[in-house]
C-alpha atoms as a PDB file:
ATOM      1  CA  MET A   1     -75.775  42.289-129.188  1.00  0.00           C
ATOM      2  CA  ALA A   2     -77.786  39.009-129.682  1.00  0.00           C
ATOM      3  CA  THR A   3     -76.621  36.559-132.045  1.00  0.00           C
ATOM      4  CA  SER A   4     -79.041  34.952-134.402  1.00  0.00           C
ATOM      5  CA  ILE A   5     -80.026  31.186-134.271  1.00  0.00           C
ATOM      6  CA  ALA A   6     -78.429  30.350-137.602  1.00  0.00           C
ATOM      7  CA  ALA A   7     -75.033  32.019-136.361  1.00  0.00           C
ATOM      8  CA  ARG A   8     -75.105  30.225-133.112  1.00  0.00           C
ATOM      9  CA  ARG A   9     -75.991  26.881-134.720  1.00  0.00           C
ATOM     10  CA  SER A  10     -73.083  27.209-137.311  1.00  0.00           C
ATOM     11  CA  THR A  11     -70.463  28.189-134.625  1.00  0.00           C
ATOM     12  CA  SER A  12     -71.132  25.877-131.735  1.00  0.00           C
ATOM     13  CA  LEU A  13     -73.025  22.788-132.827  1.00  0.00           C
ATOM     14  CA  ASP A  14     -74.662  21.287-135.841  1.00  0.00           C
ATOM     15  CA  LEU A  15     -77.903  20.943-134.517  1.00  0.00           C
ATOM     16  CA  THR A  16     -81.119  21.127-136.689  1.00  0.00           C
ATOM     17  CA  CYS A  17     -83.396  21.672-133.517  1.00  0.00           C
ATOM     18  CA  ASP A  18     -83.130  25.330-132.597  1.00  0.00           C
ATOM     19  CA  PHE A  19     -84.725  24.734-129.125  1.00  0.00           C
ATOM     20  CA  CYS A  20     -81.808  22.314-128.504  1.00  0.00           C
ATOM     21  CA  VAL A  21     -79.274  25.019-129.557  1.00  0.00           C
ATOM     22  CA  LEU A  22     -80.861  27.443-127.114  1.00  0.00           C
ATOM     23  CA  TYR A  23     -80.986  24.959-124.261  1.00  0.00           C
ATOM     24  CA  ILE A  24     -77.304  24.005-124.635  1.00  0.00           C
ATOM     25  CA  GLU A  25     -76.237  27.676-125.094  1.00  0.00           C
ATOM     26  CA  HIS A  26     -78.188  28.726-121.966  1.00  0.00           C
ATOM     27  CA  ARG A  27     -76.517  25.888-119.833  1.00  0.00           C
ATOM     28  CA  ARG A  28     -72.989  27.156-121.174  1.00  0.00           C
ATOM     29  CA  GLU A  29     -73.974  30.792-119.995  1.00  0.00           C
ATOM     30  CA  VAL A  30     -74.943  29.408-116.470  1.00  0.00           C
ATOM     31  CA  ALA A  31     -71.987  27.446-116.192  1.00  0.00           C
ATOM     32  CA  ASN A  32     -69.835  30.423-117.256  1.00  0.00           C
ATOM     33  CA  LEU A  33     -71.531  32.789-114.543  1.00  0.00           C
ATOM     34  CA  ILE A  34     -71.128  30.201-111.741  1.00  0.00           C
ATOM     35  CA  GLN A  35     -67.347  29.744-112.734  1.00  0.00           C
ATOM     36  CA  ALA A  36     -66.739  33.522-112.958  1.00  0.00           C
ATOM     37  CA  SER A  37     -64.580  35.070-110.216  1.00  0.00           C
ATOM     38  CA  GLU A  38     -66.295  38.447-110.752  1.00  0.00           C
ATOM     39  CA  PRO A  39     -70.023  39.247-110.948  1.00  0.00           C
ATOM     40  CA  PRO A  40     -71.376  40.190-114.500  1.00  0.00           C
ATOM     41  CA  ALA A  41     -71.538  43.864-115.296  1.00  0.00           C
ATOM     42  CA  GLN A  42     -74.838  45.948-114.771  1.00  0.00           C
ATOM     43  CA  ARG A  43     -76.452  46.632-118.222  1.00  0.00           C
ATOM     44  CA  SER A  44     -77.429  50.168-118.989  1.00  0.00           C
ATOM     45  CA  ALA A  45     -81.387  50.921-119.286  1.00  0.00           C
ATOM     46  CA  ALA A  46     -81.007  51.276-123.124  1.00  0.00           C
ATOM     47  CA  VAL A  47     -79.423  47.702-123.547  1.00  0.00           C
ATOM     48  CA  ARG A  48     -82.120  46.350-121.158  1.00  0.00           C
ATOM     49  CA  ARG A  49     -85.034  47.722-123.346  1.00  0.00           C
ATOM     50  CA  LYS A  50     -83.497  45.928-126.269  1.00  0.00           C
ATOM     51  CA  TYR A  51     -85.118  48.358-128.737  1.00  0.00           C
ATOM     52  CA  PRO A  52     -84.181  47.485-132.505  1.00  0.00           C
ATOM     53  CA  LYS A  53     -82.618  50.170-134.467  1.00  0.00           C
ATOM     54  CA  GLY A  54     -85.169  52.794-135.203  1.00  0.00           C
ATOM     55  CA  GLY A  55     -86.863  52.780-131.779  1.00  0.00           C
ATOM     56  CA  PRO A  56     -89.946  51.255-130.337  1.00  0.00           C
ATOM     57  CA  SER A  57     -91.876  51.665-133.706  1.00  0.00           C
ATOM     58  CA  VAL A  58     -90.237  48.550-135.043  1.00  0.00           C
ATOM     59  CA  ILE A  59     -90.354  46.262-132.061  1.00  0.00           C
ATOM     60  CA  MET A  60     -90.763  42.793-133.050  1.00  0.00           C
ATOM     61  CA  GLU A  61     -93.484  40.251-131.916  1.00  0.00           C
ATOM     62  CA  LYS A  62     -93.154  36.798-131.203  1.00  0.00           C
ATOM     63  CA  LEU A  63     -95.565  34.221-132.545  1.00  0.00           C
ATOM     64  CA  GLN A  64     -95.545  30.448-131.374  1.00  0.00           C
ATOM     65  CA  LEU A  65     -97.395  27.774-133.511  1.00  0.00           C
ATOM     66  CA  ASN A  66     -97.859  24.051-133.353  1.00  0.00           C
ATOM     67  CA  ILE A  67     -97.188  22.317-136.588  1.00  0.00           C
ATOM     68  CA  PRO A  68     -98.334  18.529-136.195  1.00  0.00           C
ATOM     69  CA  ASP A  69     -96.753  17.663-139.608  1.00  0.00           C
ATOM     70  CA  MET A  70     -93.240  18.706-138.605  1.00  0.00           C
ATOM     71  CA  TYR A  71     -92.085  15.553-137.145  1.00  0.00           C
ATOM     72  CA  ALA A  72     -88.482  15.182-138.570  1.00  0.00           C
ATOM     73  CA  ASP A  73     -85.503  17.374-139.079  1.00  0.00           C
ATOM     74  CA  HIS A  74     -85.931  17.634-142.960  1.00  0.00           C
ATOM     75  CA  HIS A  75     -89.314  19.326-142.042  1.00  0.00           C
ATOM     76  CA  VAL A  76     -87.651  21.729-139.850  1.00  0.00           C
ATOM     77  CA  LEU A  77     -85.389  22.906-142.744  1.00  0.00           C
ATOM     78  CA  LYS A  78     -88.259  23.297-145.145  1.00  0.00           C
ATOM     79  CA  VAL A  79     -90.370  25.284-142.673  1.00  0.00           C
ATOM     80  CA  ARG A  80     -87.513  27.373-141.687  1.00  0.00           C
ATOM     81  CA  SER A  81     -86.731  28.135-145.401  1.00  0.00           C
ATOM     82  CA  ALA A  82     -90.394  28.920-146.441  1.00  0.00           C
ATOM     83  CA  LEU A  83     -90.634  31.508-143.424  1.00  0.00           C
ATOM     84  CA  THR A  84     -87.326  33.131-143.852  1.00  0.00           C
ATOM     85  CA  ALA A  85     -88.211  34.114-147.193  1.00  0.00           C
ATOM     86  CA  VAL A  86     -91.173  36.052-145.965  1.00  0.00           C
ATOM     87  CA  ALA A  87     -90.356  39.742-145.723  1.00  0.00           C
ATOM     88  CA  GLY A  88     -90.644  40.852-142.060  1.00  0.00           C
ATOM     89  CA  VAL A  89     -89.745  37.546-140.463  1.00  0.00           C
ATOM     90  CA  GLN A  90     -86.597  38.117-138.525  1.00  0.00           C
ATOM     91  CA  GLU A  91     -85.887  34.951-136.778  1.00  0.00           C
ATOM     92  CA  VAL A  92     -87.564  31.466-137.018  1.00  0.00           C
ATOM     93  CA  ILE A  93     -86.829  28.849-134.161  1.00  0.00           C
ATOM     94  CA  ALA A  94     -87.994  25.568-134.861  1.00  0.00           C
ATOM     95  CA  SER A  95     -88.126  22.030-133.297  1.00  0.00           C
ATOM     96  CA  SER A  96     -89.346  18.683-134.690  1.00  0.00           C
ATOM     97  CA  ALA A  97     -89.312  17.113-131.327  1.00  0.00           C
ATOM     98  CA  PHE A  98     -91.978  19.564-129.913  1.00  0.00           C
ATOM     99  CA  ARG A  99     -93.494  20.100-133.444  1.00  0.00           C
ATOM    100  CA  LEU A 100     -93.385  23.973-132.391  1.00  0.00           C
ATOM    101  CA  ILE A 101     -92.147  27.099-134.092  1.00  0.00           C
ATOM    102  CA  SER A 102     -91.481  30.507-132.613  1.00  0.00           C
ATOM    103  CA  VAL A 103     -91.267  33.237-135.297  1.00  0.00           C
ATOM    104  CA  THR A 104     -90.062  36.855-134.478  1.00  0.00           C
ATOM    105  CA  HIS A 105     -91.796  39.162-137.159  1.00  0.00           C
ATOM    106  CA  ASP A 106     -92.421  42.850-137.658  1.00  0.00           C
ATOM    107  CA  PRO A 107     -96.138  43.216-137.118  1.00  0.00           C
ATOM    108  CA  ALA A 108     -96.226  46.264-139.615  1.00  0.00           C
ATOM    109  CA  THR A 109     -94.653  44.224-142.327  1.00  0.00           C
ATOM    110  CA  VAL A 110     -96.482  40.579-141.970  1.00  0.00           C
ATOM    111  CA  THR A 111     -99.267  39.561-139.958  1.00  0.00           C
ATOM    112  CA  PRO A 112     -99.748  36.008-138.213  1.00  0.00           C
ATOM    113  CA  GLU A 113    -102.449  35.108-140.719  1.00  0.00           C
ATOM    114  CA  ALA A 114     -99.765  35.575-143.497  1.00  0.00           C
ATOM    115  CA  ILE A 115     -97.276  33.434-141.626  1.00  0.00           C
ATOM    116  CA  GLU A 116     -99.873  30.742-141.207  1.00  0.00           C
ATOM    117  CA  ALA A 117    -100.778  30.950-144.860  1.00  0.00           C
ATOM    118  CA  THR A 118     -97.171  30.489-145.934  1.00  0.00           C
ATOM    119  CA  LEU A 119     -96.739  27.520-143.658  1.00  0.00           C
ATOM    120  CA  ALA A 120    -100.000  25.904-145.199  1.00  0.00           C
ATOM    121  CA  GLU A 121     -98.570  26.828-148.828  1.00  0.00           C
ATOM    122  CA  ALA A 122     -95.479  24.841-147.906  1.00  0.00           C
ATOM    123  CA  GLY A 123     -97.523  21.748-146.814  1.00  0.00           C
ATOM    124  CA  TYR A 124     -97.206  22.460-142.921  1.00  0.00           C
ATOM    125  CA  PRO A 125    -100.575  23.716-141.694  1.00  0.00           C
ATOM    126  CA  VAL A 126    -100.819  25.033-138.037  1.00  0.00           C
ATOM    127  CA  GLY A 127    -102.448  22.768-135.666  1.00  0.00           C
ATOM    128  CA  ASP A 128    -105.458  24.056-133.762  1.00  0.00           C
ATOM    129  CA  ASN A 129    -107.860  22.722-131.305  1.00  0.00           C
ATOM    130  CA  GLY A 130    -105.248  20.908-129.490  1.00  0.00           C
ATOM    131  CA  ALA A 131    -103.821  19.243-132.528  1.00  0.00           C
ATOM    132  CA  GLY A 132    -100.323  20.107-131.953  1.00  0.00           C
ATOM    133  CA  VAL A 133     -97.998  18.388-129.454  1.00  0.00           C
ATOM    134  CA  MET A 134     -97.495  21.297-127.058  1.00  0.00           C
ATOM    135  CA  PRO A 135    -100.810  22.629-125.468  1.00  0.00           C
ATOM    136  CA  ASN A 136     -99.267  25.682-123.941  1.00  0.00           C
ATOM    137  CA  VAL A 137     -96.885  28.256-125.080  1.00  0.00           C
ATOM    138  CA  VAL A 138     -93.059  27.327-124.279  1.00  0.00           C
ATOM    139  CA  PRO A 139     -91.063  29.857-122.480  1.00  0.00           C
ATOM    140  CA  VAL A 140     -88.337  30.173-125.136  1.00  0.00           C
ATOM    141  CA  LYS A 141     -85.040  31.894-124.176  1.00  0.00           C
ATOM    142  CA  THR A 142     -86.390  32.550-120.491  1.00  0.00           C
ATOM    143  CA  GLY A 143     -84.263  29.730-118.999  1.00  0.00           C
ATOM    144  CA  SER A 144     -87.166  28.229-117.297  1.00  0.00           C
ATOM    145  CA  LYS A 145     -87.800  24.436-117.513  1.00  0.00           C
ATOM    146  CA  ASP A 146     -90.809  23.748-119.780  1.00  0.00           C
ATOM    147  CA  PRO A 147     -93.293  21.838-117.438  1.00  0.00           C
ATOM    148  CA  ALA A 148     -94.198  19.686-120.502  1.00  0.00           C
ATOM    149  CA  TRP A 149     -90.657  18.234-120.458  1.00  0.00           C
ATOM    150  CA  ASN A 150     -91.808  15.727-117.932  1.00  0.00           C
ATOM    151  CA  ARG A 151     -94.496  14.418-120.255  1.00  0.00           C
ATOM    152  CA  LEU A 152     -92.510  14.685-123.467  1.00  0.00           C
ATOM    153  CA  GLY A 153     -88.913  14.039-122.197  1.00  0.00           C
ATOM    154  CA  VAL A 154     -89.140  10.426-123.029  1.00  0.00           C
ATOM    155  CA  ARG A 155     -86.822   9.072-125.884  1.00  0.00           C
ATOM    156  CA  ILE A 156     -88.790   7.113-128.428  1.00  0.00           C
ATOM    157  CA  SER A 157     -87.055   4.235-130.167  1.00  0.00           C
ATOM    158  CA  LYS A 158     -89.945   3.105-132.291  1.00  0.00           C
ATOM    159  CA  THR A 159     -89.811   4.120-136.065  1.00  0.00           C
ATOM    160  CA  ASP A 160     -92.525   6.502-137.091  1.00  0.00           C
ATOM    161  CA  MET A 161     -94.188   4.849-140.160  1.00  0.00           C
ATOM    162  CA  ARG A 162     -94.433   8.017-142.048  1.00  0.00           C
ATOM    163  CA  ASP A 163     -90.417   8.023-141.864  1.00  0.00           C
ATOM    164  CA  ALA A 164     -90.314   4.483-142.951  1.00  0.00           C
ATOM    165  CA  LYS A 165     -92.589   4.984-145.993  1.00  0.00           C
ATOM    166  CA  LEU A 166     -90.204   7.841-147.087  1.00  0.00           C
ATOM    167  CA  SER A 167     -86.986   5.532-147.127  1.00  0.00           C
ATOM    168  CA  ARG A 168     -88.511   3.196-149.464  1.00  0.00           C
END
């Protein structure tokens, strides 16, 4: 059974960036597999399908959105709290580093347009026409390396003026 991002965050590391939690956890799983003396047990067909309780009629969908105004950890917390309050939203993975969110939701309960409206109402409109940092969908939880990391993986040491204005 998969653990929620919030549960993983509270038990392993105190990280705000959900993508960081996923990355670190994936690295730990790979290290454990390499060090294991026995191969991992095969999963049954039912487990591989990962159907939620109730069967295929309630399969969740994933939505990835660029949020240009989510540039700091306190923005991640606000976006996460706004979206988790929406009925039908199961999981929110957010990163201020990539200015990206991944929302797992029930399409029968909430639409992508309603999610975008909730974000706009909270003050975080969705970037369109290349306004976001990430031009392509990021492979969340696949374990594959994002090709944009080569472009975005540089540590910035210059203070963002928007953050400096907030601290005054």
